[in-house]
Protein backbone atom coordinates (compact mmCIF):
# COMPACT_ATOMS: atom_id res chain seq x y z
CA MET A 1 122.92 84.31 63.87
CA ILE A 2 122.37 86.62 66.65
CA PRO A 3 121.57 84.82 69.89
CA PRO A 4 118.33 85.77 71.74
CA LYS A 5 118.29 87.98 74.53
CA ILE A 6 117.14 86.01 77.70
CA TYR A 7 114.29 86.77 80.18
CA GLY A 8 113.09 84.46 82.78
CA LEU A 9 111.33 83.49 86.03
CA ILE A 10 113.53 82.62 89.20
CA GLY A 11 112.11 80.75 92.13
CA TYR A 12 112.06 77.42 93.91
CA PRO A 13 110.64 75.37 92.53
CA VAL A 14 109.48 76.97 88.97
CA LYS A 15 108.82 73.93 86.76
CA HIS A 16 104.96 74.27 86.51
CA SER A 17 105.05 77.99 85.78
CA LEU A 18 102.77 79.40 82.99
CA SER A 19 104.69 82.24 82.33
CA PRO A 20 107.11 81.01 79.61
CA ALA A 21 103.83 80.12 77.62
CA MET A 22 102.62 84.02 77.78
CA HIS A 23 105.89 85.72 77.24
CA ASN A 24 107.22 83.42 74.58
CA ALA A 25 103.92 83.90 72.71
CA ALA A 26 104.42 87.71 72.99
CA PHE A 27 108.04 87.53 71.71
CA ARG A 28 107.08 85.40 68.76
CA HIS A 29 103.87 87.60 67.73
CA LEU A 30 106.13 90.78 67.89
CA LYS A 31 109.06 89.12 66.26
CA ILE A 32 111.45 89.85 69.28
CA ASN A 33 114.56 87.89 69.33
CA ALA A 34 114.09 86.44 72.97
CA GLU A 35 113.58 83.57 74.82
CA TYR A 36 111.91 83.48 78.38
CA ARG A 37 113.24 80.60 80.53
CA LEU A 38 112.51 78.95 83.96
CA PHE A 39 115.62 79.18 86.46
CA GLU A 40 115.38 77.09 89.71
CA VAL A 41 117.38 79.40 92.09
CA ARG A 42 117.70 78.21 95.70
CA PRO A 43 117.74 80.79 98.62
CA GLU A 44 121.23 80.58 99.18
CA GLU A 45 122.04 81.56 95.72
CA LEU A 46 119.56 84.20 95.29
CA ASN A 47 122.18 87.24 96.18
CA ASP A 48 124.69 85.96 93.64
CA PHE A 49 121.97 85.61 90.90
CA LEU A 50 120.53 89.17 91.47
CA LEU A 51 123.88 90.75 91.35
CA GLY A 52 124.83 88.74 88.27
CA ASN A 53 127.58 86.88 89.97
CA MET A 54 126.88 83.16 88.98
CA ALA A 55 126.62 80.51 86.09
CA VAL A 56 122.91 79.17 86.17
CA LYS A 57 121.18 76.39 84.43
CA ASP A 58 117.69 76.90 83.18
CA THR A 59 115.27 73.72 83.72
CA GLN A 60 116.20 72.60 80.24
CA GLY A 61 119.89 72.44 81.19
CA ASN A 62 121.21 75.22 79.34
CA GLU A 63 123.77 77.30 81.21
CA VAL A 64 123.85 81.03 81.10
CA HIS A 65 125.42 83.55 83.23
CA SER A 66 122.82 85.46 85.63
CA GLY A 67 124.11 88.67 84.49
CA ASP A 68 122.81 87.87 80.88
CA VAL A 69 119.25 87.49 82.04
CA ILE A 70 118.38 90.93 81.44
CA GLY A 71 114.88 90.86 82.69
CA PHE A 72 113.31 88.46 85.15
CA ASN A 73 110.27 87.65 87.18
CA VAL A 74 110.30 86.61 90.65
CA THR A 75 108.38 84.23 92.71
CA ILE A 76 108.15 82.22 95.84
CA PRO A 77 110.08 82.15 98.07
CA HIS A 78 112.09 84.87 96.77
CA LYS A 79 109.84 87.96 96.44
CA ILE A 80 110.48 89.58 99.83
CA ARG A 81 114.03 88.89 100.17
CA ALA A 82 114.80 89.89 96.70
CA LYS A 83 113.51 93.39 97.33
CA GLU A 84 115.61 93.45 100.46
CA ILE A 85 118.93 92.42 98.75
CA LEU A 86 118.43 94.91 95.87
CA GLU A 87 117.16 97.70 98.13
CA SER A 88 120.59 97.21 99.99
CA LYS A 89 122.88 97.07 96.95
CA VAL A 90 121.19 99.44 94.43
CA ARG A 91 119.28 102.26 94.30
CA ASN A 92 116.07 101.74 91.90
CA LYS A 93 116.43 103.99 89.15
CA ASP A 94 113.37 106.35 88.07
CA VAL A 95 110.84 104.24 86.07
CA PRO A 96 110.60 105.23 82.56
CA SER A 97 106.91 105.83 82.70
CA PRO A 98 104.42 108.49 84.33
CA LEU A 99 103.38 105.95 86.94
CA VAL A 100 106.75 106.21 88.83
CA LEU A 101 104.93 107.15 92.19
CA GLU A 102 102.38 104.04 91.94
CA GLU A 103 105.22 102.00 91.39
CA GLU A 104 107.21 103.03 94.12
CA HIS A 105 104.17 102.71 96.35
CA TYR A 106 103.48 98.91 95.37
CA VAL A 107 106.97 97.97 96.37
CA LYS A 108 107.00 100.29 99.27
CA VAL A 109 103.82 98.85 100.75
CA SER A 110 104.36 94.97 99.75
CA GLY A 111 107.84 95.06 100.74
CA ALA A 112 108.30 92.53 97.92
CA ILE A 113 109.26 92.57 94.12
CA ASN A 114 108.28 90.24 91.28
CA THR A 115 109.87 91.95 88.18
CA VAL A 116 113.48 93.05 87.66
CA LYS A 117 115.14 94.72 84.62
CA ARG A 118 118.81 95.22 83.89
CA ASN A 119 120.00 98.10 81.45
CA VAL A 120 122.45 100.77 81.07
CA LEU A 121 120.80 102.38 84.43
CA GLY A 122 121.71 99.48 86.32
CA ILE A 123 119.13 97.40 88.02
CA GLN A 124 115.32 98.44 88.24
CA TYR A 125 112.64 96.40 90.37
CA PHE A 126 108.88 96.50 90.61
CA ASN A 127 105.91 94.76 91.91
CA THR A 128 103.43 94.10 88.95
CA ASP A 129 101.49 91.71 91.05
CA ALA A 130 99.67 94.67 92.54
CA SER A 131 98.75 96.47 89.27
CA GLY A 132 98.02 93.06 87.89
CA PHE A 133 95.33 92.67 90.80
CA ILE A 134 93.84 95.79 90.53
CA GLU A 135 93.38 95.75 86.72
CA SER A 136 91.92 92.16 86.73
CA LEU A 137 89.62 93.31 89.41
CA ARG A 138 88.15 95.77 86.98
CA ASP A 139 88.35 93.99 83.99
CA ASP A 140 87.21 90.55 85.14
CA LEU A 141 85.17 91.14 88.02
CA GLU A 142 84.10 94.49 86.72
CA PHE A 143 84.66 95.78 90.28
CA ASP A 144 85.16 99.38 91.52
CA VAL A 145 86.69 99.25 94.90
CA LYS A 146 86.19 103.17 95.39
CA ASP A 147 84.60 103.78 98.85
CA LYS A 148 84.13 99.90 99.30
CA ASN A 149 85.30 97.69 101.95
CA THR A 150 87.36 94.53 101.49
CA VAL A 151 88.68 91.69 103.29
CA VAL A 152 91.86 90.00 102.21
CA ILE A 153 92.38 86.64 103.61
CA GLY A 154 96.30 85.84 103.52
CA CYS A 155 99.24 88.07 104.08
CA GLY A 156 101.75 86.41 102.30
CA GLY A 157 103.45 87.86 98.89
CA ALA A 158 99.93 87.82 97.26
CA GLY A 159 97.93 89.22 100.15
CA ARG A 160 100.60 92.11 100.50
CA ALA A 161 100.26 92.89 96.73
CA VAL A 162 96.63 93.00 97.05
CA VAL A 163 96.83 95.55 99.78
CA ALA A 164 99.18 97.49 98.10
CA SER A 165 96.99 97.82 95.25
CA LEU A 166 93.89 98.70 97.33
CA SER A 167 95.73 101.39 99.24
CA TRP A 168 97.20 103.29 96.43
CA LYS A 169 95.49 106.94 96.80
CA ASN A 170 94.13 106.95 93.08
CA ILE A 171 91.85 103.85 94.20
CA ASN A 172 90.23 105.46 96.98
CA ALA A 173 88.99 102.06 98.79
CA ASN A 174 87.65 102.52 101.89
CA LYS A 175 88.76 99.90 104.57
CA ILE A 176 90.85 96.69 103.99
CA TYR A 177 90.44 93.99 106.79
CA ILE A 178 93.45 91.50 106.77
CA TYR A 179 93.09 88.05 108.14
CA ASP A 180 95.50 85.18 108.25
CA ILE A 181 95.81 81.98 110.38
CA ASN A 182 99.68 82.21 110.35
CA SER A 183 100.30 84.46 113.25
CA SER A 184 103.85 84.94 112.52
CA ALA A 185 103.02 86.00 109.09
CA VAL A 186 100.66 88.68 110.35
CA GLU A 187 103.26 89.99 112.87
CA GLU A 188 105.73 90.43 110.09
CA THR A 189 103.16 92.03 107.68
CA LYS A 190 102.18 94.36 110.75
CA ILE A 191 105.90 95.51 110.97
CA GLN A 192 106.02 95.96 107.26
CA PHE A 193 102.84 98.03 107.11
CA SER A 194 103.83 100.01 110.04
CA LYS A 195 106.54 101.58 108.15
CA ILE A 196 103.94 103.37 105.67
CA GLU A 197 102.30 106.02 107.68
CA TYR A 198 99.81 106.98 105.13
CA ILE A 199 97.89 103.69 104.85
CA GLY A 200 97.36 103.12 108.48
CA ASP A 201 93.86 104.42 108.75
CA LYS A 202 92.78 102.07 105.65
CA ILE A 203 93.92 98.69 107.07
CA GLU A 204 92.84 96.67 110.04
CA PHE A 205 94.04 93.27 111.05
CA ILE A 206 91.47 91.07 112.27
CA ASP A 207 91.13 87.64 114.15
CA LYS A 208 88.78 84.75 113.55
CA LYS A 209 86.13 86.00 115.54
CA SER A 210 85.93 89.24 113.76
CA LEU A 211 85.90 87.51 110.52
CA MET A 212 82.26 87.27 109.93
CA GLY A 213 81.61 90.84 111.06
CA ALA A 214 84.33 92.03 108.38
CA ILE A 215 82.86 90.24 105.60
CA LYS A 216 79.26 91.30 106.41
CA ASN A 217 80.49 94.73 106.40
CA SER A 218 82.28 94.14 103.19
CA GLN A 219 81.57 94.34 99.62
CA LEU A 220 84.78 92.40 98.20
CA LEU A 221 86.44 89.30 99.48
CA VAL A 222 89.78 88.15 98.30
CA ASN A 223 91.25 84.83 98.93
CA ALA A 224 95.25 85.48 98.61
CA SER A 225 95.97 82.54 100.83
CA SER A 226 97.21 79.10 99.07
CA CYS A 227 93.90 77.50 100.03
CA GLY A 228 92.19 76.01 97.13
CA MET A 229 95.42 75.03 95.23
CA LYS A 230 95.03 71.26 96.14
CA ASP A 231 91.98 69.13 95.07
CA GLU A 232 91.22 68.18 98.58
CA ASP A 233 91.24 72.08 99.97
CA GLY A 234 87.60 73.09 101.32
CA SER A 235 86.82 76.92 101.13
CA ILE A 236 88.81 79.41 103.14
CA VAL A 237 85.44 81.03 104.17
CA GLU A 238 82.33 78.99 105.30
CA ARG A 239 79.55 79.29 102.82
CA GLY A 240 76.94 80.85 105.21
CA LEU A 241 79.33 83.89 105.70
CA LEU A 242 78.84 85.25 101.87
CA HIS A 243 76.25 87.75 101.24
CA ASN A 244 74.17 89.04 98.51
CA ASN A 245 76.28 92.34 98.44
CA LEU A 246 79.60 90.44 98.24
CA SER A 247 81.83 90.00 95.03
CA VAL A 248 84.54 87.48 95.38
CA TYR A 249 88.08 87.19 93.95
CA ASP A 250 90.42 84.09 94.49
CA VAL A 251 93.92 84.61 93.28
CA VAL A 252 94.13 80.76 92.80
CA TYR A 253 94.28 80.54 89.35
CA ASN A 254 94.71 76.90 88.15
CA ARG A 255 91.23 75.65 89.27
CA GLU A 256 87.78 76.66 90.40
CA THR A 257 88.23 76.55 94.10
CA GLN A 258 85.36 75.76 96.63
CA LEU A 259 85.24 79.32 97.37
CA ILE A 260 84.35 80.19 93.96
CA LYS A 261 81.93 77.30 93.55
CA ASP A 262 80.18 78.49 96.79
CA ALA A 263 79.91 81.99 95.45
CA HIS A 264 78.62 81.14 92.01
CA ALA A 265 76.10 78.90 93.71
CA LEU A 266 74.74 81.84 95.49
CA GLY A 267 74.78 83.99 92.23
CA LEU A 268 77.63 86.10 93.25
CA LYS A 269 80.11 87.64 90.93
CA ALA A 270 83.49 85.57 91.64
CA VAL A 271 86.54 84.90 89.33
CA ASN A 272 89.78 83.02 89.94
CA GLY A 273 93.45 84.74 89.61
CA ALA A 274 94.15 83.85 85.99
CA GLY A 275 93.49 87.43 84.96
CA MET A 276 96.03 88.65 87.60
CA LEU A 277 98.35 86.45 86.39
CA LEU A 278 97.90 87.88 82.77
CA CYS A 279 97.81 91.40 83.82
CA GLN A 280 101.02 91.20 85.98
CA GLY A 281 102.68 89.43 83.14
CA ALA A 282 101.65 91.98 80.70
CA ARG A 283 102.91 94.90 82.83
CA ALA A 284 106.10 93.13 83.37
CA PHE A 285 106.62 92.99 79.49
CA GLU A 286 105.72 96.65 79.10
CA LEU A 287 108.51 97.69 81.93
CA TRP A 288 111.14 95.55 80.01
CA PHE A 289 110.59 96.70 76.70
CA ASN A 290 108.88 100.08 76.97
CA ARG A 291 106.06 99.05 74.56
CA ARG A 292 102.55 97.87 74.85
CA ALA A 293 102.23 94.28 75.49
CA PRO A 294 100.21 92.06 73.19
CA LYS A 295 97.81 91.22 75.99
CA ASP A 296 95.38 89.33 73.75
CA VAL A 297 98.07 87.04 72.47
CA MET A 298 99.33 86.46 76.03
CA LYS A 299 95.78 85.78 77.05
CA GLN A 300 95.41 83.23 74.42
CA ALA A 301 98.64 81.19 75.08
CA LEU A 302 97.71 81.30 78.84
CA GLU A 303 94.24 80.03 78.51
CA LYS A 304 95.62 77.26 76.20
CA GLU A 305 98.02 76.12 79.04
CA LEU A 306 95.33 76.37 81.79
CA ALA A 307 92.92 74.10 79.49
CA LYS A 308 95.46 71.47 79.95
CA TRP A 309 95.17 71.47 83.81
CA LYS A 310 91.33 70.78 83.54
């Protein structure tokens, strides 16, 4: 019997990830001999894992060599560091698709990656969070960002991916306001974005005093922070700042956050990040296999898992 090819997710921690449900459902549907596993990789182990130099156990206790994990996603806290390591060690090969420039833009602007592929070309790396967000924005929120202003709250990995997607030239977004209460995260992101000359006129970092005016001047509000992940979390934005011409996207996917509740109470269009999770996973699948992902099958599996959390 031919052993299955190994795919997976690396992060620390990863035990509660919903990605295995999505990808293993896709493998079964297409009769692909593969398994998607979870690997808890500590920060000090990241370099060796990426370069295929270590034995690693999945969360079920099965040991494999990291070089045999031929495709994997990357999550907290490794997205930025993984990009730095791979960028210094290998040259990202051309993406086997007509979207090469777009894929490069997402990695370059975000300074982070979430998808890695090993093949005869070597190692390729991507950021499908960015494409996943913009696809979900269109499909789930039915929002077209062309010539629109957006406020993005949070400039960690998710926030950077959102900005990367909105700043892609074919999207034609107008202004992107960025706010975060973490001053060090803001400074790091300013440094990252300063390297990308062509997005400078699109983005503006704002402080709390300017948040009200920015939201008033925008048509889309994106919460890309962790606020809302816990039951006791309030809204990242005061309800009084929401207005009738505003749509709301919250990347938190495992619950209806207070921000979403407030938006719905005011009759605004608002969705959580489940669609972004689905779309980034489907795009990763397509990059690994060079074929269309069974998105409906993956969505059904994801919804089944999310229902257990309610």
